[in-house]
Amino acid sequence: QERFSMPLVQVTMLTGRSADQKRKLAQRITDAMVEEAAARREAVVVVFNEVSKESYASGGVLMADKGK
């Protein structure tokens, strides 16, 4: 089975997740890339891009304004 190198997975989410939550996410995302995409574990890179509620909109509404 051919192995592909250097998959980069970027996750964009609102700020506020703990280091432990991100650690677990990184492990599960890496596991999925190894199992489903034939990636080498040591080559998988996961990047967390955290944005504030003022910098993220859904349905045309800032997350900071939702629930007001």
N, C-alpha and C. Protein backbone atom coordinates (compact mmCIF):
# COMPACT_ATOMS: atom_id res chain seq x y z
N GLN A 1 0.84 -1.19 0.00
CA GLN A 1 0.00 0.00 0.00
C GLN A 1 0.88 1.25 0.00
N GLU A 2 0.62 2.13 -0.93
CA GLU A 2 1.41 3.36 -1.04
C GLU A 2 1.10 4.29 0.12
N ARG A 3 2.14 4.93 0.64
CA ARG A 3 1.97 5.90 1.73
C ARG A 3 2.20 7.30 1.18
N PHE A 4 1.33 8.21 1.52
CA PHE A 4 1.46 9.60 1.08
C PHE A 4 2.08 10.39 2.22
N SER A 5 2.77 11.47 1.87
CA SER A 5 3.47 12.21 2.91
C SER A 5 2.80 13.55 3.20
N MET A 6 3.06 14.04 4.37
CA MET A 6 2.74 15.36 4.86
C MET A 6 1.31 15.84 4.65
N PRO A 7 0.33 15.11 5.13
CA PRO A 7 -1.01 15.70 5.11
C PRO A 7 -1.10 16.79 6.18
N LEU A 8 -1.69 17.91 5.79
CA LEU A 8 -1.88 19.03 6.71
C LEU A 8 -3.37 19.22 6.90
N VAL A 9 -3.84 19.08 8.12
CA VAL A 9 -5.25 19.24 8.44
C VAL A 9 -5.39 20.51 9.27
N GLN A 10 -6.23 21.44 8.78
CA GLN A 10 -6.45 22.68 9.49
C GLN A 10 -7.86 22.68 10.07
N VAL A 11 -7.95 22.98 11.35
CA VAL A 11 -9.23 23.02 12.05
C VAL A 11 -9.45 24.45 12.51
N THR A 12 -10.53 25.06 12.06
CA THR A 12 -10.87 26.41 12.50
C THR A 12 -12.06 26.30 13.44
N MET A 13 -11.91 26.89 14.61
CA MET A 13 -12.97 26.82 15.61
C MET A 13 -12.90 28.03 16.53
N LEU A 14 -13.98 28.25 17.25
CA LEU A 14 -14.00 29.35 18.20
C LEU A 14 -13.00 29.08 19.32
N THR A 15 -12.45 30.15 19.86
CA THR A 15 -11.53 30.01 20.99
C THR A 15 -12.27 29.43 22.19
N GLY A 16 -11.50 28.84 23.08
CA GLY A 16 -12.09 28.35 24.32
C GLY A 16 -11.89 26.88 24.60
N ARG A 17 -11.40 26.13 23.63
CA ARG A 17 -11.14 24.71 23.90
C ARG A 17 -9.88 24.59 24.72
N SER A 18 -9.86 23.62 25.60
CA SER A 18 -8.69 23.39 26.46
C SER A 18 -7.60 22.67 25.68
N ALA A 19 -6.40 22.70 26.22
CA ALA A 19 -5.28 21.97 25.62
C ALA A 19 -5.60 20.48 25.56
N ASP A 20 -6.28 19.96 26.58
CA ASP A 20 -6.63 18.54 26.60
C ASP A 20 -7.61 18.20 25.47
N GLN A 21 -8.58 19.07 25.24
CA GLN A 21 -9.53 18.84 24.14
C GLN A 21 -8.81 18.85 22.80
N LYS A 22 -7.91 19.80 22.59
CA LYS A 22 -7.16 19.88 21.34
C LYS A 22 -6.22 18.68 21.20
N ARG A 23 -5.65 18.25 22.29
CA ARG A 23 -4.76 17.07 22.27
C ARG A 23 -5.55 15.85 21.78
N LYS A 24 -6.75 15.66 22.34
CA LYS A 24 -7.59 14.51 21.95
C LYS A 24 -8.04 14.63 20.51
N LEU A 25 -8.41 15.83 20.08
CA LEU A 25 -8.78 16.03 18.68
C LEU A 25 -7.63 15.71 17.74
N ALA A 26 -6.44 16.19 18.08
CA ALA A 26 -5.26 15.93 17.25
C ALA A 26 -5.00 14.43 17.13
N GLN A 27 -5.16 13.71 18.22
CA GLN A 27 -4.94 12.26 18.20
C GLN A 27 -5.96 11.56 17.30
N ARG A 28 -7.23 11.95 17.43
CA ARG A 28 -8.28 11.30 16.65
C ARG A 28 -8.19 11.66 15.17
N ILE A 29 -7.87 12.90 14.87
CA ILE A 29 -7.70 13.32 13.48
C ILE A 29 -6.52 12.57 12.87
N THR A 30 -5.43 12.48 13.61
CA THR A 30 -4.26 11.75 13.13
C THR A 30 -4.59 10.29 12.90
N ASP A 31 -5.29 9.67 13.85
CA ASP A 31 -5.70 8.27 13.68
C ASP A 31 -6.51 8.09 12.40
N ALA A 32 -7.45 9.01 12.15
CA ALA A 32 -8.28 8.91 10.94
C ALA A 32 -7.45 9.04 9.67
N MET A 33 -6.49 9.95 9.67
CA MET A 33 -5.63 10.13 8.49
C MET A 33 -4.78 8.89 8.24
N VAL A 34 -4.31 8.27 9.31
CA VAL A 34 -3.50 7.05 9.17
C VAL A 34 -4.38 5.91 8.65
N GLU A 35 -5.56 5.74 9.25
CA GLU A 35 -6.42 4.62 8.90
C GLU A 35 -7.11 4.78 7.55
N GLU A 36 -7.57 5.97 7.24
CA GLU A 36 -8.39 6.16 6.05
C GLU A 36 -7.65 6.74 4.86
N ALA A 37 -6.54 7.45 5.10
CA ALA A 37 -5.83 8.10 4.01
C ALA A 37 -4.42 7.55 3.81
N ALA A 38 -4.09 6.48 4.53
CA ALA A 38 -2.78 5.83 4.39
C ALA A 38 -1.61 6.78 4.66
N ALA A 39 -1.81 7.73 5.56
CA ALA A 39 -0.75 8.67 5.91
C ALA A 39 0.17 8.06 6.96
N ARG A 40 1.41 8.49 6.94
CA ARG A 40 2.34 8.08 7.99
C ARG A 40 2.04 8.93 9.23
N ARG A 41 1.87 8.31 10.37
CA ARG A 41 1.50 9.01 11.60
C ARG A 41 2.41 10.20 11.87
N GLU A 42 3.71 10.00 11.73
CA GLU A 42 4.67 11.06 12.06
C GLU A 42 4.63 12.20 11.04
N ALA A 43 3.97 12.00 9.90
CA ALA A 43 3.90 13.03 8.88
C ALA A 43 2.63 13.88 8.97
N VAL A 44 1.66 13.44 9.77
CA VAL A 44 0.39 14.16 9.87
C VAL A 44 0.59 15.42 10.71
N VAL A 45 0.18 16.55 10.16
CA VAL A 45 0.25 17.83 10.86
C VAL A 45 -1.17 18.33 11.06
N VAL A 46 -1.51 18.68 12.29
CA VAL A 46 -2.82 19.25 12.62
C VAL A 46 -2.60 20.65 13.15
N VAL A 47 -3.28 21.62 12.55
CA VAL A 47 -3.16 23.02 12.97
C VAL A 47 -4.53 23.49 13.44
N PHE A 48 -4.55 24.08 14.63
CA PHE A 48 -5.79 24.64 15.16
C PHE A 48 -5.76 26.16 14.96
N ASN A 49 -6.70 26.66 14.20
CA ASN A 49 -6.86 28.09 14.01
C ASN A 49 -8.05 28.52 14.87
N GLU A 50 -7.76 29.28 15.90
CA GLU A 50 -8.82 29.70 16.81
C GLU A 50 -9.22 31.14 16.49
N VAL A 51 -10.51 31.37 16.43
CA VAL A 51 -11.03 32.70 16.14
C VAL A 51 -11.98 33.13 17.24
N SER A 52 -12.04 34.42 17.46
CA SER A 52 -12.95 34.95 18.48
C SER A 52 -14.38 34.97 17.94
N LYS A 53 -15.35 35.10 18.83
CA LYS A 53 -16.74 35.18 18.43
C LYS A 53 -17.01 36.42 17.58
N GLU A 54 -16.17 37.44 17.72
CA GLU A 54 -16.31 38.66 16.93
C GLU A 54 -15.73 38.49 15.53
N SER A 55 -14.99 37.42 15.31
CA SER A 55 -14.34 37.19 14.01
C SER A 55 -14.92 36.00 13.27
N TYR A 56 -16.09 35.55 13.67
CA TYR A 56 -16.69 34.35 13.09
C TYR A 56 -18.18 34.59 12.92
N ALA A 57 -18.67 34.40 11.72
CA ALA A 57 -20.10 34.59 11.45
C ALA A 57 -20.68 33.33 10.83
N SER A 58 -21.92 33.07 11.15
CA SER A 58 -22.65 31.95 10.59
C SER A 58 -24.03 32.46 10.19
N GLY A 59 -24.42 32.21 8.97
CA GLY A 59 -25.72 32.68 8.50
C GLY A 59 -25.80 34.19 8.46
N GLY A 60 -24.66 34.85 8.30
CA GLY A 60 -24.62 36.29 8.22
C GLY A 60 -24.66 37.00 9.55
N VAL A 61 -24.56 36.24 10.63
CA VAL A 61 -24.63 36.82 11.98
C VAL A 61 -23.36 36.46 12.75
N LEU A 62 -22.72 37.47 13.34
CA LEU A 62 -21.55 37.20 14.16
C LEU A 62 -21.94 36.29 15.31
N MET A 63 -21.04 35.37 15.63
CA MET A 63 -21.29 34.48 16.76
C MET A 63 -21.47 35.28 18.05
N ALA A 64 -20.80 36.43 18.15
CA ALA A 64 -20.92 37.28 19.32
C ALA A 64 -22.34 37.83 19.47
N ASP A 65 -23.07 37.91 18.35
CA ASP A 65 -24.43 38.45 18.37
C ASP A 65 -25.50 37.40 18.50
N LYS A 66 -25.14 36.15 18.35
CA LYS A 66 -26.15 35.07 18.45
C LYS A 66 -26.60 34.92 19.89
N GLY A 67 -27.87 34.72 20.06
CA GLY A 67 -28.43 34.53 21.40
C GLY A 67 -28.74 35.81 22.12
N LYS A 68 -28.57 36.94 21.45
CA LYS A 68 -28.88 38.23 22.08
C LYS A 68 -30.34 38.54 21.91
